Amino acid sequence: MAQPAPLIPDRAEFIDALHLLQRGHLMVHLGDGANTKAIGGGIVHHSADTLLNYGLVDEVANPDGFPGVRYYRISPRGRAFADRAWAQWRSRKLWERALVRLVG
């Protein structure tokens, strides 16, 4: 029996994360606890694992960064996916996007 595709727990956060990554922000992983991943200064609550599991981000070396902190940049696959996802998101009506932000 085939496994169902995993769901994205918070689609609005996922789209926002992709958009920030596409604009050049890094995802920063500060440790192993909860709420330790951030993009553009904002905590990524639900989308970081999805970005990693689907290969949408790649870990990058940052010699000027802090010891023990891991850095991720959007991958080529992620860039192509983000283009499609952002176009799809923007094609939604404003009330639809607001509803997704409210319910995930």
N, C-alpha and C. Protein backbone atom coordinates (compact mmCIF):
# COMPACT_ATOMS: atom_id res chain seq x y z
N MET A 1 0.85 -1.17 0.00
CA MET A 1 0.00 0.00 0.00
C MET A 1 0.89 1.24 0.00
N ALA A 2 0.62 2.17 -0.87
CA ALA A 2 1.43 3.38 -1.00
C ALA A 2 1.19 4.32 0.18
N GLN A 3 2.26 4.95 0.62
CA GLN A 3 2.17 5.94 1.70
C GLN A 3 1.63 7.24 1.14
N PRO A 4 0.69 7.88 1.85
CA PRO A 4 0.22 9.19 1.38
C PRO A 4 1.34 10.22 1.48
N ALA A 5 1.28 11.19 0.61
CA ALA A 5 2.27 12.27 0.65
C ALA A 5 2.13 13.04 1.95
N PRO A 6 3.26 13.39 2.58
CA PRO A 6 3.17 14.15 3.83
C PRO A 6 2.54 15.51 3.59
N LEU A 7 1.77 15.94 4.57
CA LEU A 7 1.13 17.24 4.49
C LEU A 7 2.06 18.32 5.00
N ILE A 8 1.87 19.51 4.50
CA ILE A 8 2.61 20.67 5.00
C ILE A 8 1.78 21.26 6.12
N PRO A 9 2.27 21.24 7.37
CA PRO A 9 1.45 21.66 8.50
C PRO A 9 0.97 23.11 8.43
N ASP A 10 1.79 24.02 7.92
CA ASP A 10 1.41 25.43 7.85
C ASP A 10 1.83 25.95 6.49
N ARG A 11 0.89 25.92 5.55
CA ARG A 11 1.21 26.27 4.17
C ARG A 11 1.65 27.71 4.02
N ALA A 12 1.05 28.61 4.77
CA ALA A 12 1.43 30.03 4.66
C ALA A 12 2.86 30.23 5.14
N GLU A 13 3.23 29.61 6.26
CA GLU A 13 4.60 29.73 6.74
C GLU A 13 5.57 29.13 5.73
N PHE A 14 5.20 28.02 5.13
CA PHE A 14 6.03 27.35 4.14
C PHE A 14 6.28 28.26 2.93
N ILE A 15 5.23 28.89 2.43
CA ILE A 15 5.36 29.82 1.30
C ILE A 15 6.22 31.02 1.71
N ASP A 16 5.98 31.55 2.90
CA ASP A 16 6.78 32.69 3.37
C ASP A 16 8.25 32.31 3.48
N ALA A 17 8.53 31.12 4.01
CA ALA A 17 9.91 30.66 4.15
C ALA A 17 10.58 30.54 2.79
N LEU A 18 9.88 29.92 1.84
CA LEU A 18 10.43 29.80 0.48
C LEU A 18 10.70 31.16 -0.13
N HIS A 19 9.78 32.08 0.07
CA HIS A 19 9.93 33.41 -0.51
C HIS A 19 11.16 34.14 0.09
N LEU A 20 11.33 34.04 1.40
CA LEU A 20 12.50 34.67 2.03
C LEU A 20 13.79 34.03 1.56
N LEU A 21 13.80 32.71 1.47
CA LEU A 21 14.99 32.01 0.98
C LEU A 21 15.30 32.41 -0.46
N GLN A 22 14.27 32.53 -1.27
CA GLN A 22 14.47 32.92 -2.67
C GLN A 22 15.04 34.33 -2.77
N ARG A 23 14.71 35.16 -1.82
CA ARG A 23 15.22 36.54 -1.82
C ARG A 23 16.62 36.65 -1.22
N GLY A 24 17.23 35.51 -0.85
CA GLY A 24 18.62 35.51 -0.41
C GLY A 24 18.86 35.31 1.07
N HIS A 25 17.79 35.19 1.85
CA HIS A 25 17.98 34.93 3.28
C HIS A 25 18.45 33.51 3.51
N LEU A 26 19.15 33.31 4.60
CA LEU A 26 19.58 31.98 5.01
C LEU A 26 18.65 31.45 6.09
N MET A 27 18.49 30.13 6.14
CA MET A 27 17.84 29.51 7.29
C MET A 27 18.96 29.17 8.26
N VAL A 28 18.79 29.56 9.51
CA VAL A 28 19.80 29.36 10.54
C VAL A 28 19.26 28.36 11.54
N HIS A 29 20.08 27.35 11.86
CA HIS A 29 19.70 26.32 12.82
C HIS A 29 20.61 26.48 14.04
N LEU A 30 20.02 26.93 15.13
CA LEU A 30 20.80 27.29 16.32
C LEU A 30 21.05 26.13 17.28
N GLY A 31 20.28 25.08 17.22
CA GLY A 31 20.45 23.97 18.15
C GLY A 31 19.39 22.91 17.92
N ASP A 32 19.29 21.98 18.85
CA ASP A 32 18.38 20.85 18.67
C ASP A 32 17.04 21.01 19.37
N GLY A 33 16.82 22.07 20.09
CA GLY A 33 15.56 22.26 20.79
C GLY A 33 14.47 22.77 19.86
N ALA A 34 13.31 23.00 20.45
CA ALA A 34 12.19 23.56 19.70
C ALA A 34 12.48 25.03 19.38
N ASN A 35 11.93 25.49 18.29
CA ASN A 35 12.06 26.90 17.89
C ASN A 35 13.51 27.35 17.75
N THR A 36 14.33 26.52 17.13
CA THR A 36 15.74 26.86 16.97
C THR A 36 16.13 27.14 15.52
N LYS A 37 15.16 27.17 14.63
CA LYS A 37 15.43 27.47 13.23
C LYS A 37 14.75 28.79 12.88
N ALA A 38 15.46 29.64 12.14
CA ALA A 38 14.92 30.96 11.81
C ALA A 38 15.34 31.36 10.40
N ILE A 39 14.50 32.19 9.80
CA ILE A 39 14.80 32.79 8.50
C ILE A 39 14.47 34.27 8.62
N GLY A 40 15.42 35.11 8.27
CA GLY A 40 15.18 36.55 8.31
C GLY A 40 14.81 37.05 9.70
N GLY A 41 15.31 36.40 10.73
CA GLY A 41 15.03 36.82 12.09
C GLY A 41 13.75 36.27 12.68
N GLY A 42 12.94 35.59 11.88
CA GLY A 42 11.69 35.01 12.38
C GLY A 42 11.82 33.51 12.55
N ILE A 43 11.26 33.01 13.63
CA ILE A 43 11.31 31.57 13.91
C ILE A 43 10.47 30.81 12.88
N VAL A 44 11.01 29.70 12.41
CA VAL A 44 10.29 28.81 11.51
C VAL A 44 9.77 27.67 12.38
N HIS A 45 8.47 27.69 12.64
CA HIS A 45 7.87 26.73 13.57
C HIS A 45 7.65 25.36 12.94
N HIS A 46 7.17 25.31 11.70
CA HIS A 46 6.72 24.04 11.13
C HIS A 46 7.39 23.64 9.82
N SER A 47 7.99 24.55 9.12
CA SER A 47 8.39 24.29 7.73
C SER A 47 9.83 23.84 7.54
N ALA A 48 10.68 23.99 8.53
CA ALA A 48 12.10 23.69 8.34
C ALA A 48 12.33 22.23 7.96
N ASP A 49 11.68 21.31 8.65
CA ASP A 49 11.88 19.89 8.32
C ASP A 49 11.39 19.57 6.92
N THR A 50 10.29 20.16 6.50
CA THR A 50 9.77 19.94 5.16
C THR A 50 10.77 20.46 4.12
N LEU A 51 11.31 21.64 4.35
CA LEU A 51 12.31 22.20 3.43
C LEU A 51 13.52 21.26 3.32
N LEU A 52 13.96 20.73 4.43
CA LEU A 52 15.11 19.82 4.43
C LEU A 52 14.76 18.48 3.79
N ASN A 53 13.64 17.89 4.18
CA ASN A 53 13.27 16.56 3.70
C ASN A 53 13.03 16.51 2.19
N TYR A 54 12.56 17.59 1.61
CA TYR A 54 12.31 17.63 0.17
C TYR A 54 13.49 18.17 -0.62
N GLY A 55 14.60 18.45 0.04
CA GLY A 55 15.79 18.91 -0.67
C GLY A 55 15.64 20.33 -1.22
N LEU A 56 14.81 21.13 -0.58
CA LEU A 56 14.59 22.49 -1.05
C LEU A 56 15.64 23.46 -0.51
N VAL A 57 16.41 23.03 0.48
CA VAL A 57 17.53 23.81 1.01
C VAL A 57 18.75 22.90 1.12
N ASP A 58 19.91 23.51 1.01
CA ASP A 58 21.19 22.81 1.17
C ASP A 58 21.97 23.48 2.28
N GLU A 59 22.64 22.68 3.09
CA GLU A 59 23.51 23.26 4.12
C GLU A 59 24.71 23.91 3.43
N VAL A 60 25.11 25.06 3.94
CA VAL A 60 26.24 25.78 3.38
C VAL A 60 27.23 26.12 4.50
N ALA A 61 28.50 26.18 4.13
CA ALA A 61 29.53 26.60 5.08
C ALA A 61 29.46 28.11 5.23
N ASN A 62 29.66 28.56 6.44
CA ASN A 62 29.68 30.01 6.70
C ASN A 62 30.87 30.29 7.62
N PRO A 63 32.04 30.52 7.04
CA PRO A 63 33.23 30.73 7.86
C PRO A 63 33.13 31.96 8.75
N ASP A 64 32.28 32.90 8.41
CA ASP A 64 32.09 34.09 9.24
C ASP A 64 30.97 33.91 10.26
N GLY A 65 30.35 32.72 10.26
CA GLY A 65 29.23 32.47 11.17
C GLY A 65 29.69 32.08 12.57
N PHE A 66 28.72 31.74 13.39
CA PHE A 66 28.98 31.37 14.77
C PHE A 66 29.27 29.87 14.88
N PRO A 67 30.16 29.48 15.78
CA PRO A 67 30.43 28.05 15.98
C PRO A 67 29.17 27.31 16.42
N GLY A 68 28.97 26.13 15.87
CA GLY A 68 27.84 25.29 16.25
C GLY A 68 26.53 25.65 15.57
N VAL A 69 26.50 26.72 14.80
CA VAL A 69 25.30 27.13 14.09
C VAL A 69 25.38 26.59 12.67
N ARG A 70 24.27 26.02 12.19
CA ARG A 70 24.22 25.49 10.84
C ARG A 70 23.43 26.46 9.96
N TYR A 71 23.87 26.61 8.72
CA TYR A 71 23.28 27.56 7.79
C TYR A 71 22.80 26.83 6.55
N TYR A 72 21.64 27.25 6.04
CA TYR A 72 21.04 26.62 4.86
C TYR A 72 20.63 27.70 3.86
N ARG A 73 20.86 27.39 2.59
CA ARG A 73 20.48 28.28 1.49
C ARG A 73 19.54 27.49 0.58
N ILE A 74 18.68 28.19 -0.13
CA ILE A 74 17.76 27.52 -1.06
C ILE A 74 18.56 26.77 -2.12
N SER A 75 18.13 25.56 -2.42
CA SER A 75 18.81 24.73 -3.42
C SER A 75 18.25 25.05 -4.81
N PRO A 76 18.92 24.59 -5.87
CA PRO A 76 18.37 24.78 -7.21
C PRO A 76 16.96 24.17 -7.33
N ARG A 77 16.77 23.01 -6.74
CA ARG A 77 15.44 22.40 -6.74
C ARG A 77 14.45 23.29 -5.99
N GLY A 78 14.89 23.83 -4.86
CA GLY A 78 14.05 24.71 -4.06
C GLY A 78 13.68 25.98 -4.81
N ARG A 79 14.62 26.51 -5.57
CA ARG A 79 14.38 27.73 -6.33
C ARG A 79 13.28 27.49 -7.38
N ALA A 80 13.37 26.38 -8.10
CA ALA A 80 12.35 26.06 -9.10
C ALA A 80 10.99 25.82 -8.43
N PHE A 81 11.00 25.12 -7.31
CA PHE A 81 9.76 24.87 -6.58
C PHE A 81 9.17 26.18 -6.05
N ALA A 82 10.02 27.04 -5.52
CA ALA A 82 9.56 28.31 -4.97
C ALA A 82 8.92 29.18 -6.05
N ASP A 83 9.48 29.17 -7.25
CA ASP A 83 8.88 29.92 -8.36
C ASP A 83 7.45 29.47 -8.60
N ARG A 84 7.25 28.16 -8.68
CA ARG A 84 5.91 27.63 -8.93
C ARG A 84 4.98 27.88 -7.74
N ALA A 85 5.48 27.65 -6.53
CA ALA A 85 4.65 27.82 -5.34
C ALA A 85 4.23 29.28 -5.16
N TRP A 86 5.16 30.21 -5.38
CA TRP A 86 4.85 31.63 -5.21
C TRP A 86 3.83 32.08 -6.26
N ALA A 87 3.98 31.63 -7.50
CA ALA A 87 3.01 31.98 -8.54
C ALA A 87 1.63 31.43 -8.19
N GLN A 88 1.59 30.21 -7.70
CA GLN A 88 0.31 29.61 -7.30
C GLN A 88 -0.31 30.37 -6.13
N TRP A 89 0.50 30.72 -5.14
CA TRP A 89 0.04 31.47 -3.97
C TRP A 89 -0.54 32.82 -4.39
N ARG A 90 0.18 33.54 -5.26
CA ARG A 90 -0.26 34.87 -5.68
C ARG A 90 -1.50 34.81 -6.57
N SER A 91 -1.75 33.65 -7.19
CA SER A 91 -2.95 33.52 -8.03
C SER A 91 -4.21 33.33 -7.19
N ARG A 92 -4.05 33.00 -5.92
CA ARG A 92 -5.19 32.85 -5.01
C ARG A 92 -5.79 34.21 -4.68
N LYS A 93 -7.06 34.21 -4.44
CA LYS A 93 -7.73 35.45 -4.02
C LYS A 93 -7.25 35.81 -2.62
N LEU A 94 -7.32 37.09 -2.31
CA LEU A 94 -6.86 37.58 -1.01
C LEU A 94 -7.55 36.87 0.14
N TRP A 95 -8.85 36.66 0.04
CA TRP A 95 -9.57 36.00 1.13
C TRP A 95 -9.11 34.54 1.29
N GLU A 96 -8.73 33.88 0.19
CA GLU A 96 -8.24 32.50 0.27
C GLU A 96 -6.88 32.46 0.99
N ARG A 97 -6.01 33.41 0.66
CA ARG A 97 -4.70 33.46 1.33
C ARG A 97 -4.87 33.77 2.81
N ALA A 98 -5.80 34.67 3.14
CA ALA A 98 -6.06 35.00 4.54
C ALA A 98 -6.59 33.77 5.29
N LEU A 99 -7.46 33.01 4.65
CA LEU A 99 -8.00 31.81 5.29
C LEU A 99 -6.90 30.79 5.54
N VAL A 100 -6.00 30.62 4.59
CA VAL A 100 -4.88 29.67 4.76
C VAL A 100 -4.00 30.16 5.93
N ARG A 101 -3.79 31.45 6.04
CA ARG A 101 -3.00 31.98 7.16
C ARG A 101 -3.67 31.70 8.50
N LEU A 102 -4.99 31.70 8.52
CA LEU A 102 -5.72 31.45 9.77
C LEU A 102 -5.74 29.98 10.16
N VAL A 103 -5.91 29.10 9.17
CA VAL A 103 -6.09 27.68 9.48
C VAL A 103 -4.88 26.81 9.17
N GLY A 104 -3.88 27.36 8.51
CA GLY A 104 -2.67 26.58 8.23
C GLY A 104 -2.60 26.00 6.91
